[in-house]
Each structure stands twice: as C-alpha cells, then as structure tokens.
C-alpha atoms as a PDB file:
ATOM      1  CA  MET A   1      -3.762   8.185   8.758  1.00  0.00           C
ATOM      2  CA  LYS A   2      -2.303   5.798   6.196  1.00  0.00           C
ATOM      3  CA  VAL A   3       0.566   3.730   7.558  1.00  0.00           C
ATOM      4  CA  ALA A   4       2.762   1.476   5.419  1.00  0.00           C
ATOM      5  CA  VAL A   5       4.671  -1.451   6.906  1.00  0.00           C
ATOM      6  CA  CYS A   6       7.719  -3.013   5.253  1.00  0.00           C
ATOM      7  CA  VAL A   7       7.522  -6.799   5.419  1.00  0.00           C
ATOM      8  CA  GLU A   8       9.652  -9.652   4.155  1.00  0.00           C
ATOM      9  CA  PRO A   9       8.181 -11.428   1.115  1.00  0.00           C
ATOM     10  CA  ASP A  10       8.670 -14.984   2.399  1.00  0.00           C
ATOM     11  CA  ALA A  11       7.749 -14.715   6.087  1.00  0.00           C
ATOM     12  CA  LEU A  12       6.944 -12.006   8.591  1.00  0.00           C
ATOM     13  CA  GLY A  13       9.965 -11.665  10.865  1.00  0.00           C
ATOM     14  CA  PRO A  14       9.604 -10.770  14.556  1.00  0.00           C
ATOM     15  CA  ALA A  15      10.757  -7.173  14.110  1.00  0.00           C
ATOM     16  CA  ALA A  16       8.390  -6.552  11.181  1.00  0.00           C
ATOM     17  CA  ARG A  17       5.612  -8.151  13.224  1.00  0.00           C
ATOM     18  CA  ALA A  18       6.263  -5.631  16.011  1.00  0.00           C
ATOM     19  CA  ALA A  19       6.177  -2.787  13.469  1.00  0.00           C
ATOM     20  CA  LEU A  20       2.852  -4.085  12.152  1.00  0.00           C
ATOM     21  CA  GLY A  21       1.456  -4.183  15.675  1.00  0.00           C
ATOM     22  CA  TRP A  22       2.282  -0.505  16.195  1.00  0.00           C
ATOM     23  CA  ALA A  23       0.868   0.385  12.784  1.00  0.00           C
ATOM     24  CA  LEU A  24      -2.451  -1.253  13.658  1.00  0.00           C
ATOM     25  CA  ARG A  25      -2.586   0.623  16.958  1.00  0.00           C
ATOM     26  CA  LEU A  26      -1.678   3.912  15.357  1.00  0.00           C
ATOM     27  CA  ALA A  27      -4.072   3.675  12.408  1.00  0.00           C
ATOM     28  CA  ALA A  28      -7.063   2.846  14.649  1.00  0.00           C
ATOM     29  CA  GLY A  29      -9.530   2.383  11.839  1.00  0.00           C
ATOM     30  CA  GLY A  30      -7.339   4.000   9.193  1.00  0.00           C
ATOM     31  CA  ASP A  31      -5.397   2.248   6.467  1.00  0.00           C
ATOM     32  CA  VAL A  32      -2.520  -0.129   7.167  1.00  0.00           C
ATOM     33  CA  ILE A  33      -0.728  -1.249   4.015  1.00  0.00           C
ATOM     34  CA  ALA A  34       1.822  -4.073   4.067  1.00  0.00           C
ATOM     35  CA  ILE A  35       4.444  -3.715   1.335  1.00  0.00           C
ATOM     36  CA  ALA A  36       7.075  -6.180   0.158  1.00  0.00           C
ATOM     37  CA  ALA A  37       9.432  -6.341  -2.813  1.00  0.00           C
ATOM     38  CA  GLY A  38      10.902  -9.458  -4.355  1.00  0.00           C
ATOM     39  CA  SER A  39      10.559 -12.005  -7.120  1.00  0.00           C
ATOM     40  CA  GLY A  40       6.847 -12.415  -6.461  1.00  0.00           C
ATOM     41  CA  ARG A  41       7.048 -16.155  -5.866  1.00  0.00           C
ATOM     42  CA  GLN A  42       7.017 -15.884  -2.080  1.00  0.00           C
ATOM     43  CA  ARG A  43       4.201 -13.962  -0.416  1.00  0.00           C
ATOM     44  CA  GLY A  44       3.992 -15.538   3.023  1.00  0.00           C
ATOM     45  CA  GLY A  45       4.933 -12.297   4.789  1.00  0.00           C
ATOM     46  CA  LEU A  46       2.087 -10.425   3.123  1.00  0.00           C
ATOM     47  CA  ASP A  47      -0.369 -13.263   3.786  1.00  0.00           C
ATOM     48  CA  THR A  48       0.495 -13.125   7.489  1.00  0.00           C
ATOM     49  CA  ALA A  49       0.214  -9.330   7.579  1.00  0.00           C
ATOM     50  CA  LEU A  50      -3.306  -9.571   6.142  1.00  0.00           C
ATOM     51  CA  GLU A  51      -4.234 -12.235   8.681  1.00  0.00           C
ATOM     52  CA  LEU A  52      -3.032  -9.938  11.456  1.00  0.00           C
ATOM     53  CA  GLY A  53      -5.188  -7.034  10.337  1.00  0.00           C
ATOM     54  CA  ALA A  54      -3.503  -5.113   7.515  1.00  0.00           C
ATOM     55  CA  GLY A  55      -6.180  -3.742   5.221  1.00  0.00           C
ATOM     56  CA  ARG A  56      -4.101  -3.928   2.041  1.00  0.00           C
ATOM     57  CA  ALA A  57      -0.995  -5.693   0.813  1.00  0.00           C
ATOM     58  CA  ILE A  58       1.219  -4.695  -2.086  1.00  0.00           C
ATOM     59  CA  MET A  59       3.810  -6.966  -3.683  1.00  0.00           C
ATOM     60  CA  VAL A  60       6.322  -5.244  -5.939  1.00  0.00           C
ATOM     61  CA  ALA A  61       7.227  -8.253  -8.033  1.00  0.00           C
ATOM     62  CA  ASP A  62      10.142  -8.635 -10.407  1.00  0.00           C
ATOM     63  CA  PRO A  63      12.458 -11.660 -10.746  1.00  0.00           C
ATOM     64  CA  ALA A  64      15.463  -9.323 -10.735  1.00  0.00           C
ATOM     65  CA  LEU A  65      14.660  -7.985  -7.250  1.00  0.00           C
ATOM     66  CA  SER A  66      15.573 -11.293  -5.605  1.00  0.00           C
ATOM     67  CA  ARG A  67      19.164 -10.829  -6.823  1.00  0.00           C
ATOM     68  CA  MET A  68      19.562  -7.123  -6.125  1.00  0.00           C
ATOM     69  CA  ALA A  69      21.256  -5.108  -3.397  1.00  0.00           C
ATOM     70  CA  PRO A  70      19.210  -3.271  -0.741  1.00  0.00           C
ATOM     71  CA  ALA A  71      19.108   0.069  -2.613  1.00  0.00           C
ATOM     72  CA  PRO A  72      16.944  -1.056  -5.584  1.00  0.00           C
ATOM     73  CA  ILE A  73      14.689  -3.013  -3.221  1.00  0.00           C
ATOM     74  CA  ALA A  74      14.262   0.100  -1.076  1.00  0.00           C
ATOM     75  CA  ALA A  75      13.529   2.191  -4.176  1.00  0.00           C
ATOM     76  CA  ALA A  76      10.779  -0.256  -5.145  1.00  0.00           C
ATOM     77  CA  ILE A  77       9.246  -0.135  -1.660  1.00  0.00           C
ATOM     78  CA  ALA A  78       9.461   3.675  -1.565  1.00  0.00           C
ATOM     79  CA  ALA A  79       7.706   3.909  -4.945  1.00  0.00           C
ATOM     80  CA  ALA A  80       4.902   1.683  -3.664  1.00  0.00           C
ATOM     81  CA  VAL A  81       4.627   3.803  -0.507  1.00  0.00           C
ATOM     82  CA  ARG A  82       4.292   6.968  -2.588  1.00  0.00           C
ATOM     83  CA  GLY A  83       1.622   5.319  -4.719  1.00  0.00           C
ATOM     84  CA  SER A  84      -0.312   4.301  -1.604  1.00  0.00           C
ATOM     85  CA  ARG A  85      -0.140   7.903  -0.280  1.00  0.00           C
ATOM     86  CA  ALA A  86       1.071   6.675   3.111  1.00  0.00           C
ATOM     87  CA  THR A  87       3.052   9.300   5.013  1.00  0.00           C
ATOM     88  CA  LEU A  88       4.445   7.028   7.715  1.00  0.00           C
ATOM     89  CA  VAL A  89       6.426   3.830   7.155  1.00  0.00           C
ATOM     90  CA  LEU A  90       7.089   1.392   9.992  1.00  0.00           C
ATOM     91  CA  ALA A  91       9.587  -1.434   9.657  1.00  0.00           C
ATOM     92  CA  GLY A  92      11.647  -3.890  11.643  1.00  0.00           C
ATOM     93  CA  THR A  93      15.143  -2.869  12.641  1.00  0.00           C
ATOM     94  CA  ALA A  94      16.484  -5.635  10.401  1.00  0.00           C
ATOM     95  CA  SER A  95      15.044  -8.541   8.471  1.00  0.00           C
ATOM     96  CA  PRO A  96      16.217 -12.121   9.089  1.00  0.00           C
ATOM     97  CA  ARG A  97      17.436 -12.272   5.479  1.00  0.00           C
ATOM     98  CA  GLU A  98      19.241  -8.939   5.037  1.00  0.00           C
ATOM     99  CA  GLY A  99      20.191  -8.580   8.687  1.00  0.00           C
ATOM    100  CA  ARG A 100      21.779  -5.108   8.607  1.00  0.00           C
ATOM    101  CA  GLY A 101      18.785  -2.776   8.654  1.00  0.00           C
ATOM    102  CA  LEU A 102      19.794  -1.004   5.449  1.00  0.00           C
ATOM    103  CA  VAL A 103      16.438  -1.198   3.654  1.00  0.00           C
ATOM    104  CA  PRO A 104      14.412   1.058   6.017  1.00  0.00           C
ATOM    105  CA  ALA A 105      17.142   3.724   5.997  1.00  0.00           C
ATOM    106  CA  LEU A 106      17.330   3.577   2.203  1.00  0.00           C
ATOM    107  CA  VAL A 107      13.537   3.785   1.935  1.00  0.00           C
ATOM    108  CA  ALA A 108      13.706   6.986   3.988  1.00  0.00           C
ATOM    109  CA  HIS A 109      16.424   8.337   1.693  1.00  0.00           C
ATOM    110  CA  ALA A 110      14.351   7.536  -1.416  1.00  0.00           C
ATOM    111  CA  MET A 111      11.332   9.266   0.134  1.00  0.00           C
ATOM    112  CA  ASP A 112      13.345  12.243   1.426  1.00  0.00           C
ATOM    113  CA  ALA A 113      11.835  11.372   4.798  1.00  0.00           C
ATOM    114  CA  ALA A 114      12.924  11.554   8.420  1.00  0.00           C
ATOM    115  CA  VAL A 115      14.198   8.274   9.872  1.00  0.00           C
ATOM    116  CA  LEU A 116      14.240   7.051  13.482  1.00  0.00           C
ATOM    117  CA  SER A 117      15.635   3.693  14.560  1.00  0.00           C
ATOM    118  CA  ARG A 118      14.662   1.337  17.360  1.00  0.00           C
ATOM    119  CA  ALA A 119      11.608   3.172  18.649  1.00  0.00           C
ATOM    120  CA  GLU A 120       9.776   1.641  21.590  1.00  0.00           C
ATOM    121  CA  GLU A 121       6.428   3.275  20.875  1.00  0.00           C
ATOM    122  CA  VAL A 122       4.740   5.538  18.344  1.00  0.00           C
ATOM    123  CA  THR A 123       1.571   7.582  18.867  1.00  0.00           C
ATOM    124  CA  LEU A 124      -0.305  10.387  17.165  1.00  0.00           C
ATOM    125  CA  ALA A 125       0.975  13.853  17.995  1.00  0.00           C
ATOM    126  CA  PRO A 126      -1.729  15.984  19.645  1.00  0.00           C
ATOM    127  CA  SER A 127      -2.728  18.916  17.419  1.00  0.00           C
ATOM    128  CA  ARG A 128      -0.029  17.969  14.890  1.00  0.00           C
ATOM    129  CA  PRO A 129      -1.438  16.073  11.897  1.00  0.00           C
ATOM    130  CA  ASP A 130       1.931  16.490  10.167  1.00  0.00           C
ATOM    131  CA  ALA A 131       3.892  14.555  12.817  1.00  0.00           C
ATOM    132  CA  VAL A 132       3.892  11.596  15.194  1.00  0.00           C
ATOM    133  CA  GLU A 133       5.440  11.132  18.621  1.00  0.00           C
ATOM    134  CA  ALA A 134       7.915   8.315  19.195  1.00  0.00           C
ATOM    135  CA  ARG A 135       9.541   7.057  22.377  1.00  0.00           C
ATOM    136  CA  VAL A 136      13.144   5.895  22.258  1.00  0.00           C
ATOM    137  CA  ARG A 137      15.746   4.894  24.807  1.00  0.00           C
ATOM    138  CA  SER A 138      19.045   6.773  24.760  1.00  0.00           C
ATOM    139  CA  GLY A 139      21.823   6.765  27.331  1.00  0.00           C
ATOM    140  CA  GLY A 140      19.654   4.915  29.821  1.00  0.00           C
ATOM    141  CA  ARG A 141      16.845   7.463  29.513  1.00  0.00           C
ATOM    142  CA  ARG A 142      13.524   7.299  27.723  1.00  0.00           C
ATOM    143  CA  LEU A 143      12.937  10.223  25.393  1.00  0.00           C
ATOM    144  CA  ARG A 144       9.762  11.276  23.599  1.00  0.00           C
ATOM    145  CA  LEU A 145      10.469  12.803  20.202  1.00  0.00           C
ATOM    146  CA  LEU A 146       8.308  14.681  17.727  1.00  0.00           C
ATOM    147  CA  VAL A 147       8.913  13.130  14.293  1.00  0.00           C
ATOM    148  CA  PRO A 148       7.770  15.143  11.249  1.00  0.00           C
ATOM    149  CA  LEU A 149       6.057  13.328   8.390  1.00  0.00           C
ATOM    150  CA  PRO A 150       6.917  11.758   6.047  1.00  0.00           C
ATOM    151  CA  ALA A 151       8.972   9.456   8.214  1.00  0.00           C
ATOM    152  CA  VAL A 152      10.346   5.930   8.513  1.00  0.00           C
ATOM    153  CA  ILE A 153      10.483   4.452  12.026  1.00  0.00           C
ATOM    154  CA  THR A 154      11.912   1.048  12.898  1.00  0.00           C
ATOM    155  CA  PHE A 155      11.168  -1.306  15.780  1.00  0.00           C
ATOM    156  CA  ALA A 156      13.046  -4.184  17.352  1.00  0.00           C
ATOM    157  CA  PRO A 157      11.187  -7.456  18.018  1.00  0.00           C
ATOM    158  CA  ALA A 158       8.463  -6.919  20.590  1.00  0.00           C
ATOM    159  CA  GLY A 159       9.168  -7.715  24.230  1.00  0.00           C
ATOM    160  CA  GLN A 160       6.760  -8.976  26.809  1.00  0.00           C
ATOM    161  CA  GLY A 161       3.521  -6.987  26.557  1.00  0.00           C
ATOM    162  CA  ALA A 162       4.860  -4.770  23.758  1.00  0.00           C
ATOM    163  CA  GLY A 163       3.125  -3.888  20.515  1.00  0.00           C
ATOM    164  CA  ASP A 164       3.091  -7.261  18.794  1.00  0.00           C
ATOM    165  CA  ALA A 165       0.412  -7.945  16.179  1.00  0.00           C
ATOM    166  CA  ARG A 166      -2.029 -10.799  16.779  1.00  0.00           C
ATOM    167  CA  PRO A 167      -4.592 -12.409  14.434  1.00  0.00           C
ATOM    168  CA  VAL A 168      -7.878 -10.549  14.142  1.00  0.00           C
ATOM    169  CA  ALA A 169     -11.288 -11.787  13.012  1.00  0.00           C
ATOM    170  CA  THR A 170     -11.911  -9.410  10.117  1.00  0.00           C
ATOM    171  CA  ALA A 171     -12.490  -9.761   6.406  1.00  0.00           C
ATOM    172  CA  ARG A 172      -9.111 -10.378   4.857  1.00  0.00           C
ATOM    173  CA  GLY A 173      -7.829  -8.170   2.042  1.00  0.00           C
ATOM    174  CA  THR A 174      -6.025  -9.300  -1.063  1.00  0.00           C
ATOM    175  CA  ILE A 175      -2.480  -8.908  -2.349  1.00  0.00           C
ATOM    176  CA  GLU A 176      -2.062  -6.353  -5.112  1.00  0.00           C
ATOM    177  CA  ALA A 177       0.800  -7.186  -7.459  1.00  0.00           C
ATOM    178  CA  LEU A 178       2.722  -4.316  -9.024  1.00  0.00           C
ATOM    179  CA  SER A 179       5.662  -4.552 -11.397  1.00  0.00           C
ATOM    180  CA  ALA A 180       8.647  -2.234 -11.489  1.00  0.00           C
ATOM    181  CA  ARG A 181       7.245  -0.838 -14.737  1.00  0.00           C
ATOM    182  CA  ASP A 182       3.918  -0.093 -13.044  1.00  0.00           C
ATOM    183  CA  LEU A 183       5.843   2.093 -10.591  1.00  0.00           C
ATOM    184  CA  GLY A 184       7.977   3.747 -13.247  1.00  0.00           C
ATOM    185  CA  LEU A 185      11.177   2.071 -12.049  1.00  0.00           C
ATOM    186  CA  ASP A 186      14.167   1.163 -14.206  1.00  0.00           C
ATOM    187  CA  LEU A 187      15.653  -1.673 -12.164  1.00  0.00           C
ATOM    188  CA  PRO A 188      18.839  -2.139 -14.252  1.00  0.00           C
ATOM    189  CA  ALA A 189      19.606   1.567 -13.905  1.00  0.00           C
ATOM    190  CA  LEU A 190      18.905   1.455 -10.162  1.00  0.00           C
ATOM    191  CA  ALA A 191      21.168  -1.565  -9.761  1.00  0.00           C
ATOM    192  CA  ALA A 192      23.941   0.164 -11.699  1.00  0.00           C
ATOM    193  CA  SER A 193      23.660   3.370  -9.682  1.00  0.00           C
ATOM    194  CA  ALA A 194      23.773   1.412  -6.419  1.00  0.00           C
ATOM    195  CA  GLU A 195      27.096  -0.177  -7.356  1.00  0.00           C
ATOM    196  CA  PRO A 196      30.254   1.987  -7.045  1.00  0.00           C
ATOM    197  CA  ALA A 197      32.086   2.208 -10.363  1.00  0.00           C
ATOM    198  CA  GLY A 198      34.754  -0.418 -10.791  1.00  0.00           C
ATOM    199  CA  HIS A 199      33.684  -2.467  -7.778  1.00  0.00           C
ATOM    200  CA  SER A 200      31.471  -5.466  -7.207  1.00  0.00           C
ATOM    201  CA  ASP A 201      30.021  -6.617  -3.901  1.00  0.00           C
ATOM    202  CA  ARG A 202      32.718  -9.290  -3.691  1.00  0.00           C
ATOM    203  CA  ARG A 203      35.567  -6.847  -4.249  1.00  0.00           C
ATOM    204  CA  ARG A 204      34.299  -3.943  -2.149  1.00  0.00           C
ATOM    205  CA  PRO A 205      36.690  -3.125   0.713  1.00  0.00           C
ATOM    206  CA  ARG A 206      35.540  -3.945   4.226  1.00  0.00           C
ATOM    207  CA  ALA A 207      33.765  -0.909   5.698  1.00  0.00           C
ATOM    208  CA  ALA A 208      34.817   0.736   8.922  1.00  0.00           C
ATOM    209  CA  ALA A 209      32.685   0.119  11.998  1.00  0.00           C
ATOM    210  CA  VAL A 210      29.463   2.112  12.089  1.00  0.00           C
ATOM    211  CA  SER A 211      27.035   2.854  14.878  1.00  0.00           C
ATOM    212  CA  SER A 212      23.805   2.475  12.890  1.00  0.00           C
ATOM    213  CA  ALA A 213      22.325   1.622   9.526  1.00  0.00           C
ATOM    214  CA  GLU A 214      21.747   5.333   8.930  1.00  0.00           C
ATOM    215  CA  ASP A 215      25.446   5.995   9.515  1.00  0.00           C
ATOM    216  CA  LEU A 216      26.360   3.295   7.024  1.00  0.00           C
ATOM    217  CA  VAL A 217      23.928   4.629   4.424  1.00  0.00           C
ATOM    218  CA  ALA A 218      25.265   8.170   4.918  1.00  0.00           C
ATOM    219  CA  ARG A 219      28.827   6.965   4.346  1.00  0.00           C
ATOM    220  CA  TRP A 220      27.759   4.974   1.291  1.00  0.00           C
ATOM    221  CA  LEU A 221      25.853   7.898  -0.266  1.00  0.00           C
ATOM    222  CA  ASP A 222      28.731  10.255   0.447  1.00  0.00           C
ATOM    223  CA  GLY A 223      30.978   7.933  -1.516  1.00  0.00           C
END
C-alpha cells in the first residue's frame, strides 16, 4: 500500500509526526511518501520525515503558495498525491501554522475522497484491499470504522505509547521538487476560485461556530 503523509514545509509538527508514525506502521515495507507545499525555501518538515523513515518526499514548490489560502495549498498536495498513486493520505488534525485543520479536509475534497478526523488508530482491513479500518472515540465510546479508499484520515498529536514516529537507521531518500506547472495546476485561477466574489480575507464576515473542519469546508463550498 502507498500511503501519503501531509507535512509542514518548515518543521514536522507533533500531529503530523503522529500521522507519519501510523503511516510507517500501516505501510510495513510499502511506500510512505511525505508531501508538502510551499515556497520551496523551507524543507525541514520533509527532511525530518525522511529521517524518520519515509521512503520518498515531494515538495510542491512555488513562491505564490506561501501567500495563498488553504484551498490552493490543498489542491497542490492533492495533485501530488494523485501523481504518487497513493490511495490513503494521513495528516495531523491541524498544523501549528494554519491551526484550523482545513487543509486535510480540502485535500479530501480535491481527491473526491472519504475523510475521517481525529482517528486513534488505523490498520489494514482484512480481506478488503479497497479499505482500511480506523478506530475513533465518539460519545465516550471507541468505535472501529471501515473507511473506503481513497481516504484522508487525520490524527491528533500522539499520546504516551501511541503511534509516534522515531528515527530509523535506513538509507535516507531525497526530496523531489515539483512545480505547480509540473502538476498541471493554475495557481492564480485556484486562488481566484477559492475567494468568494467581492470579498477578501480581511472583509469576510465572521463565520458561525462549527463542530469540525469538515463542517466548515462544507459550509464554505456550499457558499
């Protein structure tokens, strides 16, 4: 199984580190691909992911990405995921920089994939190569869910004894740099489509309270 992991370009945050740990467990000899999108100047998150055992790292690099909203960044990551042929994307619930958890939900939307937030565990589904099993906590109970692929699953920072990634003594891979053009992306058009007509980020009305990033993305996409 090929598993992609969304990482921050500058540094691997604790939630993304937990996601990487589960990816390495799940792949078990398969491919784990760390993917980041940004200006290309900062690659510390990808360097760390390679040190922790990721077999490949992809940097979608464009100076404009460092100034863009989450939707174009997610589109760039989703394009890189499609190019890698990964069917499962793991990510942190939220990055230290963006903080709201929008990017993983938007990646799922761009991939037309299932999305599950705040999983505690992910494993292969017996006799189901087209799905994985994930454990979540809901209403004080632990539930095991069958998640069809393609899918995006997020993890909170690892707790004591949880699936955190640790350095491994293996040959380290290299970072592959891809541009938006390489992936067939028109960043100006993506940025324009992500911005409601007649509004800027500074003038956008304050949104009503939402229960999850997916809820917020659904409201945004519904207009």
